[in-house]
Amino acid sequence: MEQTPAWRNDGVRVVPGNQLDGNTAQTPGMDRKAAINFARVGAQKLWAGTVHIHAGAKTGAHHHGPLESVIYIVKGRARMRWGEQLQFVAEAGPGDFIYVPPYVPHQEINASATETLECVLCRSDGEAVAVNLDIQPAEPPEQVHWVDPTHPAPPKT
């Protein structure tokens, strides 16, 4: 006799926004909270949660090992720096997505001096990985505009 999966306990999970778990890998300058991970819901291939960066704050340089990350900006303005010397920079605002490939050294900066940066974060594994790095940033960083075949770079002035 074939057994039916226990969908009641092993099906859809709802994690209320006021019950996120702050017991996750942290980087100076930001507060990460897990909503979906292996420990909370048994997720095998992804991690999802929130990150808040206070007005004017910037995180320490870090990477996430072999994981891919996607950041969705809910509120505020994010300035991302990346590279061996954090020498590249781009900005994103509400409704924008940011992709961070595996092992890329990066730093999140809240570009606003008055507003908290609020983001939703997803990673490609059920456990969070954050490797904090000791990098002296290059100044000034090089502005990078995303370019792909359907989104050409803005004209140079």
C-alpha atoms as a PDB file:
ATOM      1  CA  MET A   1       0.000   0.000   0.000  1.00  0.00           C
ATOM      2  CA  GLU A   2       1.422   3.352  -1.076  1.00  0.00           C
ATOM      3  CA  GLN A   3       1.606   5.988   1.650  1.00  0.00           C
ATOM      4  CA  THR A   4       0.363   9.512   1.055  1.00  0.00           C
ATOM      5  CA  PRO A   5       2.880  12.255   1.928  1.00  0.00           C
ATOM      6  CA  ALA A   6       2.186  14.046   5.194  1.00  0.00           C
ATOM      7  CA  TRP A   7       1.299  17.321   3.457  1.00  0.00           C
ATOM      8  CA  ARG A   8      -0.119  18.840   6.634  1.00  0.00           C
ATOM      9  CA  ASN A   9       3.314  18.919   8.263  1.00  0.00           C
ATOM     10  CA  ASP A  10       5.566  18.626   5.184  1.00  0.00           C
ATOM     11  CA  GLY A  11       3.767  20.956   2.774  1.00  0.00           C
ATOM     12  CA  VAL A  12       3.519  24.721   2.487  1.00  0.00           C
ATOM     13  CA  ARG A  13       5.011  26.732   5.345  1.00  0.00           C
ATOM     14  CA  VAL A  14       4.138  30.311   6.277  1.00  0.00           C
ATOM     15  CA  VAL A  15       6.705  32.190   8.357  1.00  0.00           C
ATOM     16  CA  PRO A  16       5.176  35.364   9.838  1.00  0.00           C
ATOM     17  CA  GLY A  17       7.294  38.486   9.301  1.00  0.00           C
ATOM     18  CA  ASN A  18       7.449  39.108  13.054  1.00  0.00           C
ATOM     19  CA  GLN A  19       8.928  35.632  13.684  1.00  0.00           C
ATOM     20  CA  LEU A  20      12.169  35.820  11.662  1.00  0.00           C
ATOM     21  CA  ASP A  21      15.306  34.336  13.213  1.00  0.00           C
ATOM     22  CA  GLY A  22      18.229  36.687  13.941  1.00  0.00           C
ATOM     23  CA  ASN A  23      20.447  33.726  14.866  1.00  0.00           C
ATOM     24  CA  THR A  24      22.228  33.681  11.498  1.00  0.00           C
ATOM     25  CA  ALA A  25      25.625  34.587  10.060  1.00  0.00           C
ATOM     26  CA  GLN A  26      26.141  38.322  10.539  1.00  0.00           C
ATOM     27  CA  THR A  27      28.393  40.943   8.980  1.00  0.00           C
ATOM     28  CA  PRO A  28      29.200  44.213  10.773  1.00  0.00           C
ATOM     29  CA  GLY A  29      26.853  47.016   9.705  1.00  0.00           C
ATOM     30  CA  MET A  30      23.777  44.933   8.900  1.00  0.00           C
ATOM     31  CA  ASP A  31      21.089  42.865  10.588  1.00  0.00           C
ATOM     32  CA  ARG A  32      20.196  39.621   8.788  1.00  0.00           C
ATOM     33  CA  LYS A  33      17.162  37.560   9.786  1.00  0.00           C
ATOM     34  CA  ALA A  34      16.259  34.157   8.379  1.00  0.00           C
ATOM     35  CA  ALA A  35      12.754  33.309   7.248  1.00  0.00           C
ATOM     36  CA  ILE A  36      13.430  30.193   5.171  1.00  0.00           C
ATOM     37  CA  ASN A  37      16.387  27.852   5.796  1.00  0.00           C
ATOM     38  CA  PHE A  38      17.102  24.237   6.628  1.00  0.00           C
ATOM     39  CA  ALA A  39      16.685  24.662  10.386  1.00  0.00           C
ATOM     40  CA  ARG A  40      13.340  26.458  10.166  1.00  0.00           C
ATOM     41  CA  VAL A  41      11.522  24.661   7.340  1.00  0.00           C
ATOM     42  CA  GLY A  42      13.886  21.986   6.024  1.00  0.00           C
ATOM     43  CA  ALA A  43      14.891  23.960   2.897  1.00  0.00           C
ATOM     44  CA  GLN A  44      17.624  22.029   1.090  1.00  0.00           C
ATOM     45  CA  LYS A  45      18.587  24.408  -1.712  1.00  0.00           C
ATOM     46  CA  LEU A  46      17.811  27.951  -0.599  1.00  0.00           C
ATOM     47  CA  TRP A  47      17.930  30.471   2.208  1.00  0.00           C
ATOM     48  CA  ALA A  48      15.662  33.524   2.364  1.00  0.00           C
ATOM     49  CA  GLY A  49      15.334  36.326   4.833  1.00  0.00           C
ATOM     50  CA  THR A  50      15.629  40.044   5.352  1.00  0.00           C
ATOM     51  CA  VAL A  51      18.467  42.467   5.811  1.00  0.00           C
ATOM     52  CA  HIS A  52      18.309  45.980   7.257  1.00  0.00           C
ATOM     53  CA  ILE A  53      21.110  48.513   7.007  1.00  0.00           C
ATOM     54  CA  HIS A  54      20.787  51.659   9.096  1.00  0.00           C
ATOM     55  CA  ALA A  55      20.888  55.122   7.520  1.00  0.00           C
ATOM     56  CA  GLY A  56      24.390  56.027   6.336  1.00  0.00           C
ATOM     57  CA  ALA A  57      25.837  52.658   7.394  1.00  0.00           C
ATOM     58  CA  LYS A  58      28.051  50.334   5.379  1.00  0.00           C
ATOM     59  CA  THR A  59      28.791  46.692   5.996  1.00  0.00           C
ATOM     60  CA  GLY A  60      32.176  45.122   6.339  1.00  0.00           C
ATOM     61  CA  ALA A  61      33.593  43.477   3.218  1.00  0.00           C
ATOM     62  CA  HIS A  62      32.503  39.837   2.883  1.00  0.00           C
ATOM     63  CA  HIS A  63      31.521  37.077   0.483  1.00  0.00           C
ATOM     64  CA  HIS A  64      29.163  34.108   0.678  1.00  0.00           C
ATOM     65  CA  GLY A  65      31.434  31.256  -0.400  1.00  0.00           C
ATOM     66  CA  PRO A  66      29.952  29.038  -3.128  1.00  0.00           C
ATOM     67  CA  LEU A  67      26.463  30.526  -2.758  1.00  0.00           C
ATOM     68  CA  GLU A  68      24.656  32.741  -5.236  1.00  0.00           C
ATOM     69  CA  SER A  69      22.713  35.615  -3.686  1.00  0.00           C
ATOM     70  CA  VAL A  70      19.801  37.733  -4.855  1.00  0.00           C
ATOM     71  CA  ILE A  71      18.898  40.953  -3.048  1.00  0.00           C
ATOM     72  CA  TYR A  72      15.554  42.670  -3.661  1.00  0.00           C
ATOM     73  CA  ILE A  73      15.341  46.314  -2.544  1.00  0.00           C
ATOM     74  CA  VAL A  74      12.088  46.975  -0.673  1.00  0.00           C
ATOM     75  CA  LYS A  75      12.843  50.443   0.687  1.00  0.00           C
ATOM     76  CA  GLY A  76      15.785  52.830   0.460  1.00  0.00           C
ATOM     77  CA  ARG A  77      18.818  53.043  -1.800  1.00  0.00           C
ATOM     78  CA  ALA A  78      21.604  50.434  -1.888  1.00  0.00           C
ATOM     79  CA  ARG A  79      25.139  51.147  -3.048  1.00  0.00           C
ATOM     80  CA  MET A  80      27.057  47.949  -3.764  1.00  0.00           C
ATOM     81  CA  ARG A  81      30.846  47.834  -3.947  1.00  0.00           C
ATOM     82  CA  TRP A  82      32.695  44.715  -5.116  1.00  0.00           C
ATOM     83  CA  GLY A  83      36.018  43.383  -6.320  1.00  0.00           C
ATOM     84  CA  GLU A  84      39.356  42.517  -4.715  1.00  0.00           C
ATOM     85  CA  GLN A  85      39.668  46.135  -3.513  1.00  0.00           C
ATOM     86  CA  LEU A  86      35.930  46.953  -3.619  1.00  0.00           C
ATOM     87  CA  GLN A  87      36.885  49.047  -6.650  1.00  0.00           C
ATOM     88  CA  PHE A  88      33.558  48.726  -8.523  1.00  0.00           C
ATOM     89  CA  VAL A  89      30.258  50.365  -7.548  1.00  0.00           C
ATOM     90  CA  ALA A  90      26.599  50.329  -8.628  1.00  0.00           C
ATOM     91  CA  GLU A  91      23.352  51.498  -6.998  1.00  0.00           C
ATOM     92  CA  ALA A  92      19.858  50.033  -6.746  1.00  0.00           C
ATOM     93  CA  GLY A  93      16.534  51.314  -5.435  1.00  0.00           C
ATOM     94  CA  PRO A  94      13.059  50.014  -4.554  1.00  0.00           C
ATOM     95  CA  GLY A  95      11.931  47.257  -6.917  1.00  0.00           C
ATOM     96  CA  ASP A  96      15.479  46.537  -8.146  1.00  0.00           C
ATOM     97  CA  PHE A  97      17.204  43.160  -7.870  1.00  0.00           C
ATOM     98  CA  ILE A  98      20.933  42.649  -7.240  1.00  0.00           C
ATOM     99  CA  TYR A  99      22.737  39.410  -8.124  1.00  0.00           C
ATOM    100  CA  VAL A 100      25.944  38.504  -6.264  1.00  0.00           C
ATOM    101  CA  PRO A 101      27.884  35.531  -7.732  1.00  0.00           C
ATOM    102  CA  PRO A 102      29.791  33.031  -5.549  1.00  0.00           C
ATOM    103  CA  TYR A 103      32.982  34.203  -3.819  1.00  0.00           C
ATOM    104  CA  VAL A 104      32.671  37.847  -4.976  1.00  0.00           C
ATOM    105  CA  PRO A 105      34.036  40.188  -2.273  1.00  0.00           C
ATOM    106  CA  HIS A 106      31.410  42.876  -1.724  1.00  0.00           C
ATOM    107  CA  GLN A 107      30.098  45.528   0.619  1.00  0.00           C
ATOM    108  CA  GLU A 108      26.555  46.855   0.999  1.00  0.00           C
ATOM    109  CA  ILE A 109      26.184  50.560   1.732  1.00  0.00           C
ATOM    110  CA  ASN A 110      23.035  52.443   2.626  1.00  0.00           C
ATOM    111  CA  ALA A 111      23.227  55.420   0.228  1.00  0.00           C
ATOM    112  CA  SER A 112      20.746  57.380   2.347  1.00  0.00           C
ATOM    113  CA  ALA A 113      21.769  59.366   5.415  1.00  0.00           C
ATOM    114  CA  THR A 114      18.173  59.415   6.701  1.00  0.00           C
ATOM    115  CA  GLU A 115      16.350  56.222   5.661  1.00  0.00           C
ATOM    116  CA  THR A 116      16.858  52.557   6.631  1.00  0.00           C
ATOM    117  CA  LEU A 117      17.679  50.275   3.693  1.00  0.00           C
ATOM    118  CA  GLU A 118      15.280  47.299   3.766  1.00  0.00           C
ATOM    119  CA  CYS A 119      15.885  44.264   1.550  1.00  0.00           C
ATOM    120  CA  VAL A 120      14.756  40.696   0.975  1.00  0.00           C
ATOM    121  CA  LEU A 121      17.648  38.275   0.507  1.00  0.00           C
ATOM    122  CA  CYS A 122      17.730  34.802  -1.095  1.00  0.00           C
ATOM    123  CA  ARG A 123      20.683  32.418  -1.342  1.00  0.00           C
ATOM    124  CA  SER A 124      21.240  29.147  -3.163  1.00  0.00           C
ATOM    125  CA  ASP A 125      21.577  26.868  -0.113  1.00  0.00           C
ATOM    126  CA  GLY A 126      19.580  26.032   2.999  1.00  0.00           C
ATOM    127  CA  GLU A 127      22.328  27.366   5.303  1.00  0.00           C
ATOM    128  CA  ALA A 128      23.702  30.902   5.375  1.00  0.00           C
ATOM    129  CA  VAL A 129      27.398  31.478   4.677  1.00  0.00           C
ATOM    130  CA  ALA A 130      29.105  34.794   5.404  1.00  0.00           C
ATOM    131  CA  VAL A 131      32.891  35.079   5.220  1.00  0.00           C
ATOM    132  CA  ASN A 132      34.018  38.448   6.580  1.00  0.00           C
ATOM    133  CA  LEU A 133      37.093  39.914   4.857  1.00  0.00           C
ATOM    134  CA  ASP A 134      39.739  42.481   5.809  1.00  0.00           C
ATOM    135  CA  ILE A 135      39.871  44.663   2.674  1.00  0.00           C
ATOM    136  CA  GLN A 136      41.054  48.246   2.395  1.00  0.00           C
ATOM    137  CA  PRO A 137      38.667  49.812  -0.152  1.00  0.00           C
ATOM    138  CA  ALA A 138      40.029  51.501  -3.263  1.00  0.00           C
ATOM    139  CA  GLU A 139      39.022  55.153  -3.588  1.00  0.00           C
ATOM    140  CA  PRO A 140      37.239  56.305  -5.648  1.00  0.00           C
ATOM    141  CA  PRO A 141      35.408  53.221  -6.928  1.00  0.00           C
ATOM    142  CA  GLU A 142      34.670  52.754 -10.631  1.00  0.00           C
ATOM    143  CA  GLN A 143      30.953  53.174 -11.492  1.00  0.00           C
ATOM    144  CA  VAL A 144      29.649  50.084 -13.332  1.00  0.00           C
ATOM    145  CA  HIS A 145      26.391  50.078 -15.314  1.00  0.00           C
ATOM    146  CA  TRP A 146      24.770  46.741 -15.997  1.00  0.00           C
ATOM    147  CA  VAL A 147      24.997  45.848 -19.645  1.00  0.00           C
ATOM    148  CA  ASP A 148      23.431  42.906 -21.442  1.00  0.00           C
ATOM    149  CA  PRO A 149      22.166  42.475 -25.009  1.00  0.00           C
ATOM    150  CA  THR A 150      18.734  43.954 -24.196  1.00  0.00           C
ATOM    151  CA  HIS A 151      19.869  46.686 -21.785  1.00  0.00           C
ATOM    152  CA  PRO A 152      22.686  48.765 -23.290  1.00  0.00           C
ATOM    153  CA  ALA A 153      24.851  51.016 -21.154  1.00  0.00           C
ATOM    154  CA  PRO A 154      23.772  54.665 -20.897  1.00  0.00           C
ATOM    155  CA  PRO A 155      25.529  56.966 -23.357  1.00  0.00           C
ATOM    156  CA  LYS A 156      28.856  58.404 -22.199  1.00  0.00           C
ATOM    157  CA  THR A 157      28.822  62.123 -21.555  1.00  0.00           C
END
